[in-house]
């Protein structure tokens, strides 16, 4: 389990009374939490609970019906086109299925360098060096830059997605079920990589997942979302060891083999 970040650490991210309605139907209701610099906040819940919608609002891909999202001194929900372009350098979103977000017609190197190419200011040689640097950072052979996504394993593709997100040097990375499609041994490798990158780069994560065993490993704090409503928020230890919500208690009881206990991810080996 990740150690608890001291409460006096100023928050990088502040979410207040977030609400999102689609056709009058509430998808997110009164979600609030703060995330200090260099920490990981997990958003957990079942499919359709509003986790992904919350993450997309935080990353600036969706405007909420009401409430606020503050990244440092920036109010995310009120940004125009220019402000959203700047936000892309500060906050990145990594999806569950990297294959669907990587152009199968393009090389891995092209996809990793795409965010910098859109910003401009990089000569071809400098861009190539930068791509190789970030492939190496996520423990991939830079020679893979010439490959197509279909030639890589699921774990390799997720590392490519991370390299593409990190190449713009963001402060915040929203990881939307980023390890859920991987087998459990590869999950452990990617989780370990995320922790190392956080330590080396000072990254702040919002980690969206339905897998509480993985959440226990990586998160400092947790929000539990049920039908769009936040029913629990606290340190990982508090939420896992002393849950107050009946829904949280039910989620914990449903974990096969109680894999969350002692913060250990059972690899089944």
C-alpha atoms as a PDB file:
ATOM      1  CA  UNK A   1       0.000   0.000   0.000  1.00  0.00           C
ATOM      2  CA  UNK A   2       1.256   3.483  -0.802  1.00  0.00           C
ATOM      3  CA  UNK A   3       2.234   5.604   2.181  1.00  0.00           C
ATOM      4  CA  UNK A   4      -0.094   8.425   3.137  1.00  0.00           C
ATOM      5  CA  UNK A   5       0.919  11.855   1.850  1.00  0.00           C
ATOM      6  CA  UNK A   6       1.099  14.426   4.682  1.00  0.00           C
ATOM      7  CA  UNK A   7      -2.154  16.403   4.855  1.00  0.00           C
ATOM      8  CA  UNK A   8      -0.327  19.744   4.920  1.00  0.00           C
ATOM      9  CA  UNK A   9       0.898  19.173   1.352  1.00  0.00           C
ATOM     10  CA  UNK A  10      -0.910  21.754  -0.824  1.00  0.00           C
ATOM     11  CA  UNK A  11      -3.253  20.173  -3.380  1.00  0.00           C
ATOM     12  CA  UNK A  12      -2.415  20.171  -7.059  1.00  0.00           C
ATOM     13  CA  UNK A  13      -5.981  19.125  -7.892  1.00  0.00           C
ATOM     14  CA  UNK A  14      -9.154  20.288  -6.175  1.00  0.00           C
ATOM     15  CA  UNK A  15     -12.563  18.947  -7.212  1.00  0.00           C
ATOM     16  CA  UNK A  16     -15.577  20.610  -5.602  1.00  0.00           C
ATOM     17  CA  UNK A  17     -19.246  19.564  -5.790  1.00  0.00           C
ATOM     18  CA  UNK A  18     -18.882  18.121  -9.282  1.00  0.00           C
ATOM     19  CA  UNK A  19     -22.112  17.264 -11.074  1.00  0.00           C
ATOM     20  CA  UNK A  20     -22.787  15.991 -14.591  1.00  0.00           C
ATOM     21  CA  UNK A  21     -26.183  15.364 -16.151  1.00  0.00           C
ATOM     22  CA  UNK A  22     -26.976  13.771 -19.501  1.00  0.00           C
ATOM     23  CA  UNK A  23     -30.471  14.574 -20.715  1.00  0.00           C
ATOM     24  CA  UNK A  24     -31.471  15.463 -17.192  1.00  0.00           C
ATOM     25  CA  UNK A  25     -30.202  12.149 -15.804  1.00  0.00           C
ATOM     26  CA  UNK A  26     -27.446  12.574 -13.171  1.00  0.00           C
ATOM     27  CA  UNK A  27     -24.235  10.698 -14.029  1.00  0.00           C
ATOM     28  CA  UNK A  28     -22.060  12.382 -11.371  1.00  0.00           C
ATOM     29  CA  UNK A  29     -23.480  13.923  -8.194  1.00  0.00           C
ATOM     30  CA  UNK A  30     -21.643  16.097  -5.674  1.00  0.00           C
ATOM     31  CA  UNK A  31     -18.155  14.580  -6.018  1.00  0.00           C
ATOM     32  CA  UNK A  32     -15.455  16.438  -4.058  1.00  0.00           C
ATOM     33  CA  UNK A  33     -11.833  15.612  -3.214  1.00  0.00           C
ATOM     34  CA  UNK A  34      -8.330  17.079  -3.240  1.00  0.00           C
ATOM     35  CA  UNK A  35      -5.089  15.518  -4.474  1.00  0.00           C
ATOM     36  CA  UNK A  36      -1.708  16.750  -3.173  1.00  0.00           C
ATOM     37  CA  UNK A  37       1.307  17.094  -5.466  1.00  0.00           C
ATOM     38  CA  UNK A  38       3.073  13.807  -6.089  1.00  0.00           C
ATOM     39  CA  UNK A  39       0.292  11.582  -4.754  1.00  0.00           C
ATOM     40  CA  UNK A  40      -2.228   9.136  -6.206  1.00  0.00           C
ATOM     41  CA  UNK A  41      -5.973   9.469  -5.716  1.00  0.00           C
ATOM     42  CA  UNK A  42      -8.072   6.496  -6.792  1.00  0.00           C
ATOM     43  CA  UNK A  43     -11.673   6.687  -7.972  1.00  0.00           C
ATOM     44  CA  UNK A  44     -13.313   3.292  -7.573  1.00  0.00           C
ATOM     45  CA  UNK A  45     -16.733   1.849  -8.305  1.00  0.00           C
ATOM     46  CA  UNK A  46     -18.599  -0.512 -10.570  1.00  0.00           C
ATOM     47  CA  UNK A  47     -19.023  -0.067 -14.315  1.00  0.00           C
ATOM     48  CA  UNK A  48     -21.361   2.839 -15.041  1.00  0.00           C
ATOM     49  CA  UNK A  49     -20.801   4.473 -11.658  1.00  0.00           C
ATOM     50  CA  UNK A  50     -19.507   7.753 -13.119  1.00  0.00           C
ATOM     51  CA  UNK A  51     -15.773   7.127 -12.705  1.00  0.00           C
ATOM     52  CA  UNK A  52     -14.817   7.735 -16.332  1.00  0.00           C
ATOM     53  CA  UNK A  53     -17.049  10.799 -16.617  1.00  0.00           C
ATOM     54  CA  UNK A  54     -15.333  12.281 -13.560  1.00  0.00           C
ATOM     55  CA  UNK A  55     -11.906  11.574 -15.049  1.00  0.00           C
ATOM     56  CA  UNK A  56     -12.791  13.163 -18.387  1.00  0.00           C
ATOM     57  CA  UNK A  57     -14.022  16.306 -16.631  1.00  0.00           C
ATOM     58  CA  UNK A  58     -10.808  16.522 -14.608  1.00  0.00           C
ATOM     59  CA  UNK A  59      -8.686  16.203 -17.770  1.00  0.00           C
ATOM     60  CA  UNK A  60     -10.732  18.877 -19.553  1.00  0.00           C
ATOM     61  CA  UNK A  61     -12.387  16.614 -22.134  1.00  0.00           C
ATOM     62  CA  UNK A  62     -15.860  17.274 -20.797  1.00  0.00           C
ATOM     63  CA  UNK A  63     -17.515  20.307 -19.229  1.00  0.00           C
ATOM     64  CA  UNK A  64     -19.505  19.602 -16.034  1.00  0.00           C
ATOM     65  CA  UNK A  65     -23.081  20.678 -15.469  1.00  0.00           C
ATOM     66  CA  UNK A  66     -21.967  22.327 -12.230  1.00  0.00           C
ATOM     67  CA  UNK A  67     -19.109  22.291  -9.748  1.00  0.00           C
ATOM     68  CA  UNK A  68     -15.450  23.158 -10.192  1.00  0.00           C
ATOM     69  CA  UNK A  69     -12.114  21.548 -11.014  1.00  0.00           C
ATOM     70  CA  UNK A  70      -8.964  23.467 -10.126  1.00  0.00           C
ATOM     71  CA  UNK A  71      -5.520  22.360 -11.323  1.00  0.00           C
ATOM     72  CA  UNK A  72      -3.106  24.553  -9.417  1.00  0.00           C
ATOM     73  CA  UNK A  73      -4.405  28.067 -10.051  1.00  0.00           C
ATOM     74  CA  UNK A  74      -6.367  27.098 -13.173  1.00  0.00           C
ATOM     75  CA  UNK A  75     -10.141  26.582 -13.219  1.00  0.00           C
ATOM     76  CA  UNK A  76     -10.433  23.722 -15.702  1.00  0.00           C
ATOM     77  CA  UNK A  77     -14.198  23.778 -16.294  1.00  0.00           C
ATOM     78  CA  UNK A  78     -14.194  27.350 -17.626  1.00  0.00           C
ATOM     79  CA  UNK A  79     -11.349  27.080 -20.135  1.00  0.00           C
ATOM     80  CA  UNK A  80     -11.739  28.117 -23.763  1.00  0.00           C
ATOM     81  CA  UNK A  81      -9.925  26.586 -26.736  1.00  0.00           C
ATOM     82  CA  UNK A  82      -6.563  28.236 -25.986  1.00  0.00           C
ATOM     83  CA  UNK A  83      -6.723  27.343 -22.309  1.00  0.00           C
ATOM     84  CA  UNK A  84      -7.577  23.731 -23.119  1.00  0.00           C
ATOM     85  CA  UNK A  85      -4.543  23.485 -25.419  1.00  0.00           C
ATOM     86  CA  UNK A  86      -2.347  24.646 -22.552  1.00  0.00           C
ATOM     87  CA  UNK A  87      -4.084  22.193 -20.225  1.00  0.00           C
ATOM     88  CA  UNK A  88      -3.001  19.314 -22.502  1.00  0.00           C
ATOM     89  CA  UNK A  89       0.583  20.062 -21.469  1.00  0.00           C
ATOM     90  CA  UNK A  90      -0.322  19.924 -17.781  1.00  0.00           C
ATOM     91  CA  UNK A  91      -2.835  17.067 -17.658  1.00  0.00           C
ATOM     92  CA  UNK A  92      -2.902  13.880 -19.720  1.00  0.00           C
ATOM     93  CA  UNK A  93      -5.432  11.046 -19.952  1.00  0.00           C
ATOM     94  CA  UNK A  94      -4.424   7.397 -20.453  1.00  0.00           C
ATOM     95  CA  UNK A  95      -7.205   5.022 -21.496  1.00  0.00           C
ATOM     96  CA  UNK A  96      -7.943   1.386 -20.680  1.00  0.00           C
ATOM     97  CA  UNK A  97      -7.321   0.121 -24.205  1.00  0.00           C
ATOM     98  CA  UNK A  98      -4.201   1.734 -25.678  1.00  0.00           C
ATOM     99  CA  UNK A  99      -4.698  -0.099 -28.979  1.00  0.00           C
ATOM    100  CA  UNK A 100      -7.850   1.896 -29.692  1.00  0.00           C
ATOM    101  CA  UNK A 101      -6.041   5.172 -28.980  1.00  0.00           C
ATOM    102  CA  UNK A 102      -2.948   4.371 -31.078  1.00  0.00           C
ATOM    103  CA  UNK A 103      -3.220   4.810 -34.842  1.00  0.00           C
ATOM    104  CA  UNK A 104      -2.580   1.308 -36.269  1.00  0.00           C
ATOM    105  CA  UNK A 105      -1.268   2.852 -39.501  1.00  0.00           C
ATOM    106  CA  UNK A 106       1.445   4.827 -37.728  1.00  0.00           C
ATOM    107  CA  UNK A 107       4.644   3.689 -36.063  1.00  0.00           C
ATOM    108  CA  UNK A 108       5.029   3.645 -32.301  1.00  0.00           C
ATOM    109  CA  UNK A 109       7.554   6.470 -32.560  1.00  0.00           C
ATOM    110  CA  UNK A 110       5.126   8.622 -34.519  1.00  0.00           C
ATOM    111  CA  UNK A 111       2.376   8.098 -31.934  1.00  0.00           C
ATOM    112  CA  UNK A 112       4.641   8.869 -28.978  1.00  0.00           C
ATOM    113  CA  UNK A 113       5.875  12.060 -30.626  1.00  0.00           C
ATOM    114  CA  UNK A 114       2.433  13.214 -31.765  1.00  0.00           C
ATOM    115  CA  UNK A 115       1.727  15.476 -28.739  1.00  0.00           C
ATOM    116  CA  UNK A 116       5.022  17.328 -29.251  1.00  0.00           C
ATOM    117  CA  UNK A 117       4.413  17.552 -32.986  1.00  0.00           C
ATOM    118  CA  UNK A 118       1.119  19.329 -32.330  1.00  0.00           C
ATOM    119  CA  UNK A 119       2.873  21.795 -30.017  1.00  0.00           C
ATOM    120  CA  UNK A 120       5.643  22.474 -32.537  1.00  0.00           C
ATOM    121  CA  UNK A 121       9.170  23.758 -32.092  1.00  0.00           C
ATOM    122  CA  UNK A 122      10.976  20.421 -32.502  1.00  0.00           C
ATOM    123  CA  UNK A 123      13.234  19.569 -35.423  1.00  0.00           C
ATOM    124  CA  UNK A 124      12.953  15.991 -36.703  1.00  0.00           C
ATOM    125  CA  UNK A 125      16.213  14.868 -35.089  1.00  0.00           C
ATOM    126  CA  UNK A 126      15.350  16.433 -31.733  1.00  0.00           C
ATOM    127  CA  UNK A 127      11.893  14.893 -31.792  1.00  0.00           C
ATOM    128  CA  UNK A 128      13.332  11.452 -32.544  1.00  0.00           C
ATOM    129  CA  UNK A 129      15.745  11.723 -29.596  1.00  0.00           C
ATOM    130  CA  UNK A 130      12.900  12.801 -27.325  1.00  0.00           C
ATOM    131  CA  UNK A 131      10.771   9.827 -28.396  1.00  0.00           C
ATOM    132  CA  UNK A 132      13.641   7.414 -27.749  1.00  0.00           C
ATOM    133  CA  UNK A 133      14.237   9.009 -24.343  1.00  0.00           C
ATOM    134  CA  UNK A 134      10.631   8.467 -23.264  1.00  0.00           C
ATOM    135  CA  UNK A 135      10.434   4.926 -24.612  1.00  0.00           C
ATOM    136  CA  UNK A 136      13.485   4.161 -22.510  1.00  0.00           C
ATOM    137  CA  UNK A 137      11.860   5.888 -19.507  1.00  0.00           C
ATOM    138  CA  UNK A 138       8.946   3.421 -19.589  1.00  0.00           C
ATOM    139  CA  UNK A 139      11.344   0.471 -19.985  1.00  0.00           C
ATOM    140  CA  UNK A 140      10.833  -0.106 -23.707  1.00  0.00           C
ATOM    141  CA  UNK A 141      13.613  -0.674 -26.226  1.00  0.00           C
ATOM    142  CA  UNK A 142      13.855   2.536 -28.330  1.00  0.00           C
ATOM    143  CA  UNK A 143      14.202   0.257 -31.369  1.00  0.00           C
ATOM    144  CA  UNK A 144      10.464  -0.430 -31.003  1.00  0.00           C
ATOM    145  CA  UNK A 145       9.823   3.083 -32.325  1.00  0.00           C
ATOM    146  CA  UNK A 146       9.708   1.681 -35.862  1.00  0.00           C
ATOM    147  CA  UNK A 147       7.093  -0.980 -35.026  1.00  0.00           C
ATOM    148  CA  UNK A 148       3.321  -0.767 -35.447  1.00  0.00           C
ATOM    149  CA  UNK A 149       1.023  -1.130 -32.398  1.00  0.00           C
ATOM    150  CA  UNK A 150      -0.250  -4.518 -33.631  1.00  0.00           C
ATOM    151  CA  UNK A 151       3.281  -5.910 -33.287  1.00  0.00           C
ATOM    152  CA  UNK A 152       3.402  -5.198 -29.542  1.00  0.00           C
ATOM    153  CA  UNK A 153       1.949  -6.992 -26.543  1.00  0.00           C
ATOM    154  CA  UNK A 154      -0.790  -5.428 -24.420  1.00  0.00           C
ATOM    155  CA  UNK A 155       1.700  -4.459 -21.739  1.00  0.00           C
ATOM    156  CA  UNK A 156       4.031  -2.895 -24.302  1.00  0.00           C
ATOM    157  CA  UNK A 157       1.170  -0.910 -25.821  1.00  0.00           C
ATOM    158  CA  UNK A 158       0.221   0.431 -22.395  1.00  0.00           C
ATOM    159  CA  UNK A 159       3.832   1.537 -21.876  1.00  0.00           C
ATOM    160  CA  UNK A 160       3.678   3.301 -25.254  1.00  0.00           C
ATOM    161  CA  UNK A 161       0.515   5.103 -24.123  1.00  0.00           C
ATOM    162  CA  UNK A 162       2.315   6.183 -20.950  1.00  0.00           C
ATOM    163  CA  UNK A 163       5.330   7.423 -22.921  1.00  0.00           C
ATOM    164  CA  UNK A 164       3.047   9.473 -25.163  1.00  0.00           C
ATOM    165  CA  UNK A 165       1.324  10.999 -22.129  1.00  0.00           C
ATOM    166  CA  UNK A 166       4.566  11.787 -20.317  1.00  0.00           C
ATOM    167  CA  UNK A 167       6.468  13.263 -23.263  1.00  0.00           C
ATOM    168  CA  UNK A 168       4.790  16.660 -22.709  1.00  0.00           C
ATOM    169  CA  UNK A 169       5.949  16.567 -19.047  1.00  0.00           C
ATOM    170  CA  UNK A 170       2.496  16.871 -17.427  1.00  0.00           C
ATOM    171  CA  UNK A 171       1.848  17.545 -13.764  1.00  0.00           C
ATOM    172  CA  UNK A 172      -1.232  15.305 -13.645  1.00  0.00           C
ATOM    173  CA  UNK A 173      -1.977  11.983 -15.329  1.00  0.00           C
ATOM    174  CA  UNK A 174      -5.515  10.565 -15.277  1.00  0.00           C
ATOM    175  CA  UNK A 175      -5.330   6.786 -15.682  1.00  0.00           C
ATOM    176  CA  UNK A 176      -8.722   5.407 -16.712  1.00  0.00           C
ATOM    177  CA  UNK A 177      -8.691   1.644 -16.018  1.00  0.00           C
ATOM    178  CA  UNK A 178      -5.142   1.726 -17.361  1.00  0.00           C
ATOM    179  CA  UNK A 179      -4.218  -1.773 -16.132  1.00  0.00           C
ATOM    180  CA  UNK A 180      -7.643  -3.434 -16.226  1.00  0.00           C
ATOM    181  CA  UNK A 181      -7.218  -5.068 -19.642  1.00  0.00           C
ATOM    182  CA  UNK A 182      -3.884  -6.663 -18.687  1.00  0.00           C
ATOM    183  CA  UNK A 183      -3.295 -10.038 -17.079  1.00  0.00           C
ATOM    184  CA  UNK A 184      -2.447  -9.887 -13.390  1.00  0.00           C
ATOM    185  CA  UNK A 185       1.332 -10.344 -13.737  1.00  0.00           C
ATOM    186  CA  UNK A 186       1.558  -7.524 -16.299  1.00  0.00           C
ATOM    187  CA  UNK A 187      -0.682  -5.413 -14.039  1.00  0.00           C
ATOM    188  CA  UNK A 188       1.945  -5.727 -11.323  1.00  0.00           C
ATOM    189  CA  UNK A 189       4.700  -4.648 -13.741  1.00  0.00           C
ATOM    190  CA  UNK A 190       2.786  -1.564 -14.908  1.00  0.00           C
ATOM    191  CA  UNK A 191       1.815  -0.652 -11.337  1.00  0.00           C
ATOM    192  CA  UNK A 192       5.466  -0.858 -10.309  1.00  0.00           C
ATOM    193  CA  UNK A 193       6.410   1.307 -13.312  1.00  0.00           C
ATOM    194  CA  UNK A 194       3.805   3.917 -12.348  1.00  0.00           C
ATOM    195  CA  UNK A 195       5.196   4.124  -8.816  1.00  0.00           C
ATOM    196  CA  UNK A 196       8.752   4.501 -10.117  1.00  0.00           C
ATOM    197  CA  UNK A 197       7.752   7.236 -12.556  1.00  0.00           C
ATOM    198  CA  UNK A 198       5.900   9.058  -9.799  1.00  0.00           C
ATOM    199  CA  UNK A 199       8.996   9.010  -7.593  1.00  0.00           C
ATOM    200  CA  UNK A 200      11.344  10.074 -10.395  1.00  0.00           C
ATOM    201  CA  UNK A 201       9.163  12.751 -12.012  1.00  0.00           C
ATOM    202  CA  UNK A 202       7.005  13.938  -9.108  1.00  0.00           C
ATOM    203  CA  UNK A 203       3.833  12.994 -10.970  1.00  0.00           C
ATOM    204  CA  UNK A 204       0.325  13.249  -9.564  1.00  0.00           C
ATOM    205  CA  UNK A 205      -2.141  10.531 -10.575  1.00  0.00           C
ATOM    206  CA  UNK A 206      -5.899  10.132 -10.619  1.00  0.00           C
ATOM    207  CA  UNK A 207      -6.238   6.350 -10.876  1.00  0.00           C
ATOM    208  CA  UNK A 208      -9.663   5.150 -12.033  1.00  0.00           C
ATOM    209  CA  UNK A 209     -10.341   1.468 -11.414  1.00  0.00           C
ATOM    210  CA  UNK A 210     -12.866  -1.149 -10.373  1.00  0.00           C
ATOM    211  CA  UNK A 211     -10.042  -3.377  -9.063  1.00  0.00           C
ATOM    212  CA  UNK A 212      -9.582  -2.620  -5.379  1.00  0.00           C
ATOM    213  CA  UNK A 213      -6.604  -4.965  -5.054  1.00  0.00           C
ATOM    214  CA  UNK A 214      -4.618  -2.801  -7.481  1.00  0.00           C
ATOM    215  CA  UNK A 215      -5.933   0.396  -5.878  1.00  0.00           C
ATOM    216  CA  UNK A 216      -4.642  -0.738  -2.481  1.00  0.00           C
ATOM    217  CA  UNK A 217      -1.177  -1.090  -3.989  1.00  0.00           C
ATOM    218  CA  UNK A 218      -0.895   2.283  -5.644  1.00  0.00           C
ATOM    219  CA  UNK A 219      -3.235   4.845  -4.074  1.00  0.00           C
ATOM    220  CA  UNK A 220      -2.680   7.242  -1.184  1.00  0.00           C
ATOM    221  CA  UNK A 221      -6.333   8.303  -1.032  1.00  0.00           C
ATOM    222  CA  UNK A 222      -9.565   6.868  -2.411  1.00  0.00           C
ATOM    223  CA  UNK A 223     -13.013   8.060  -3.481  1.00  0.00           C
ATOM    224  CA  UNK A 224     -15.723   5.409  -3.766  1.00  0.00           C
ATOM    225  CA  UNK A 225     -18.437   6.259  -6.311  1.00  0.00           C
ATOM    226  CA  UNK A 226     -21.851   4.559  -6.382  1.00  0.00           C
ATOM    227  CA  UNK A 227     -24.390   5.507  -9.045  1.00  0.00           C
ATOM    228  CA  UNK A 228     -22.578   8.786  -9.603  1.00  0.00           C
ATOM    229  CA  UNK A 229     -22.451   9.740  -5.928  1.00  0.00           C
ATOM    230  CA  UNK A 230     -19.330   9.777  -3.779  1.00  0.00           C
ATOM    231  CA  UNK A 231     -20.125   7.562  -0.786  1.00  0.00           C
ATOM    232  CA  UNK A 232     -16.648   7.448   0.753  1.00  0.00           C
ATOM    233  CA  UNK A 233     -13.431   9.466   0.645  1.00  0.00           C
ATOM    234  CA  UNK A 234     -10.338   9.058   2.785  1.00  0.00           C
ATOM    235  CA  UNK A 235      -6.862   7.619   3.040  1.00  0.00           C
ATOM    236  CA  UNK A 236      -6.411   4.190   1.511  1.00  0.00           C
ATOM    237  CA  UNK A 237      -5.900   2.644   4.948  1.00  0.00           C
ATOM    238  CA  UNK A 238      -9.076   4.229   6.315  1.00  0.00           C
ATOM    239  CA  UNK A 239     -11.231   3.196   3.370  1.00  0.00           C
ATOM    240  CA  UNK A 240      -9.949  -0.388   3.218  1.00  0.00           C
ATOM    241  CA  UNK A 241      -9.591  -1.097   6.933  1.00  0.00           C
ATOM    242  CA  UNK A 242     -12.502   0.916   8.330  1.00  0.00           C
ATOM    243  CA  UNK A 243     -15.073   1.488   5.559  1.00  0.00           C
ATOM    244  CA  UNK A 244     -18.147   3.406   6.676  1.00  0.00           C
ATOM    245  CA  UNK A 245     -20.305   2.935   3.577  1.00  0.00           C
ATOM    246  CA  UNK A 246     -22.254  -0.293   3.104  1.00  0.00           C
ATOM    247  CA  UNK A 247     -21.422  -0.100  -0.599  1.00  0.00           C
ATOM    248  CA  UNK A 248     -17.669   0.045   0.106  1.00  0.00           C
ATOM    249  CA  UNK A 249     -17.993  -2.888   2.489  1.00  0.00           C
ATOM    250  CA  UNK A 250     -19.791  -4.868  -0.222  1.00  0.00           C
ATOM    251  CA  UNK A 251     -17.064  -4.062  -2.773  1.00  0.00           C
ATOM    252  CA  UNK A 252     -14.375  -5.264  -0.383  1.00  0.00           C
ATOM    253  CA  UNK A 253     -16.232  -8.490   0.404  1.00  0.00           C
ATOM    254  CA  UNK A 254     -16.547  -9.175  -3.329  1.00  0.00           C
ATOM    255  CA  UNK A 255     -12.786  -9.218  -3.957  1.00  0.00           C
ATOM    256  CA  UNK A 256     -11.802 -12.822  -4.872  1.00  0.00           C
ATOM    257  CA  UNK A 257      -9.570 -14.302  -2.187  1.00  0.00           C
ATOM    258  CA  UNK A 258      -9.489 -10.964  -0.332  1.00  0.00           C
ATOM    259  CA  UNK A 259      -6.515  -9.934  -2.497  1.00  0.00           C
ATOM    260  CA  UNK A 260      -6.536  -6.414  -1.042  1.00  0.00           C
ATOM    261  CA  UNK A 261      -5.456  -7.506   2.444  1.00  0.00           C
ATOM    262  CA  UNK A 262      -2.017  -6.317   3.608  1.00  0.00           C
ATOM    263  CA  UNK A 263      -1.704  -4.268   0.430  1.00  0.00           C
ATOM    264  CA  UNK A 264      -0.420  -7.267  -1.492  1.00  0.00           C
ATOM    265  CA  UNK A 265      -1.394  -8.068  -5.053  1.00  0.00           C
ATOM    266  CA  UNK A 266      -1.763 -11.827  -5.327  1.00  0.00           C
ATOM    267  CA  UNK A 267      -0.152 -12.795  -8.610  1.00  0.00           C
ATOM    268  CA  UNK A 268      -1.432 -16.359  -8.401  1.00  0.00           C
ATOM    269  CA  UNK A 269       2.041 -17.746  -9.007  1.00  0.00           C
END
